[in-house]
Amino acid sequence: MFNFFNKKRRDNHDIAPDEIFLDSANLPGFDTDMFEGRIEKPLSQVSVFLVGAAFLFLVVFFGYKAFSLQVINGESFAKKSANNLLRHTVVFADRGIIYDKNNVPLAWNIPAVNNIEFNLRQYIEKSGFAHVLGYVNYPQKDKAGFFYDTDITGIEGIEKYYNGSLAGQNGLRIVETDALNNLISDNTIEQPTHGENVMLTIDSRVQEALFNSVKTIVDQVGFGGGGAVVMDIYSGDIIAMVSYPEFDPNKMITGDKPAIQSYFADSRNPFLNRVTQGLYTPGSIVKPYMAAAGLQEGVITPNTQILSVKEMKVPNPYNPDQPSIFTDWKAHGYVDVRSALAVSSNVFFYQVGGGFGSQKGIGITNIEKYMRDFGFGEPIKDDFFGSLLGTIPNPEWKQKIFNDDWRLGDTYFTSIGQYGFQVTPIQVIRAVSSIANNGMIVEPRIIADQNSPEIDRTVSVDKNFIKVVREGMRESVLTGLAKGLNYPDFQIAAKTGTAELGVSKADVNSWITGFFPYNNPRYAFVFVLEKGDRNNLIGGVATARNFFDWLKFNAPEYVK
């Protein structure tokens, strides 16, 4: 049976031509790489299954991705697609322009370059304006080129303290692009509101001249720095306010690295506004206020005379052989309050403050009271001028700082503006203005407007006594230590001061304060030069002389 079926299968099998003609003799003549001479075989079921499975996997995979893109994450990708096409960009507002009182531009905007999207800030190319104007920081981008900070922000000076007015409000633009980032449309949906212009009380001519006067003496003599301020005694308008050394605001905003590094390396601190942020030992410039206090308290009259000797010896009850000695810079003989101010007698004001022998003093409590009445130890109300209080030494202060009791000698030294006494020049200009205007404490201001001046209060000193103090300051110019300011064609009243620094007292601050014109006062002034050699004879008076020499010929309206 077996042979029968095999035979039957062979009988029914068709013989292919290849089987007829293919034999061992002709096989080598076929190109087997081109499938010649090969007998075709059907694909195996395994191969068919694997190929089918592969196609099925691909269909399932791409089907799932399509479902994920369109159904599961469709909304999210739609939003991303819309954002790619519609992009919100900032329309930068121009900053307000800063003018001086005569409409001279001090800070303005210039067109941007190199595809910068906002206008740039430019400052007046003159010395003396840095601490008044300050500078700005520009908007910042991240690494991807998108703005993470869209504000032009004031850093110092007017730019900082009046940033709210100057900055304005940025606008908004929608930019539509295609997939290749080509611009399709550009629509501003919110217009920018440009910043408000600001007019200052500063006179740019006087500002530059005041700065050059300070710079000249500081550089010539070797002071560590200096500052000066001129103020209208009735309105509080700051006519000029300078600090030296200073920085260049144009270099700050352009990122001039060598210049900026030099500012930070300068031990004299060019970033310090010495008028508003500098704390200084005042020395003898406090004597006009001591004189006013002594007259008001009745411990002296305008005609009281006190013997000014080179050394005032105070008995030591514990050791009579070692009295305490308080010196004057010179023996002046008998002086009244006017001449004591003119020659700046220490002994006279030691006794007005602390008493000596039969001469009564007002005491440290009253010294502090009147000093505060004239504005020392009190902040300026406008934040632009800083918030430093300074120090008026008193028993509580000494106990806190030195853990020690108050002594008579502390009262003496406080009476002449030494010991721990510290003031800012802007406090001094407020105080000396009150001497010039019959006792009104007028708050300084630097923004020009039509509002009435802010008169904080009137000092608790009789106007007749204030008049005596003014006469003493005028005498200082006529015959005393400020006679370098004695001009034949206009009159100035002034008080000098030399404040000793440190234990060695090798360095001093040189001051001069005052007002002009004397007969009809309108302006007060303060100069301070810091950390100069005590043996140097050139200081505040020479600086003020340089300034007034310029003022009388170039801006005579101020001295008439």
Foldseek 3Di string as FASTA:
>chain_A
DVVVVVVVVVVPDDDDPLNVPDDPVCQVVFDCVVVPSPDDDDDDPVVVVVVVVVVVVVVVVVVVVVCCCCPVCVVVVVVVVVCVFKPKDKQFAFFAFEAEPVRHTAKGWDPDPDPDRDTDMDGDPAPQCCQAQPAWEAFDDDPVGHTPGHWTQGDHHCRHQVVVQGTWAIFMKIWGADPVRHTDDIGTPGHTGGHHHFYWNEDVVLRRLLQVLQVVQCVVFPFLWKWKWKAFLFQLGTHYIGIPPAADRVCVHVVVPVRVVVQVVRPSRRPDRQQQRNKDQFFQLCQLLLLLLLCQVVLAHQPDKDFQAQWDWAADPVDRVDTDIDGWPHGDGIDGSLVCQLAVGLVVLLCCQQNDDPRHHPYLVSVVVSCVLLPAQAAQPRCSSPGDRWDQDDQVVCCVPPVDGDDSVVRSQSSRRADRGIGHNQSSQQNQSCLQVQFWRWGHDTTDDDDGTDGPDGGPGHSVSSVSSLSSQQSNCVPGDLVLPDDPPFGWGKGWGWYFDDPVSQWTKTKMKTFDRSVRTTMIMIMIGHTGGPPDPDHHSSSVSSSVVCCCPPPVVRHD
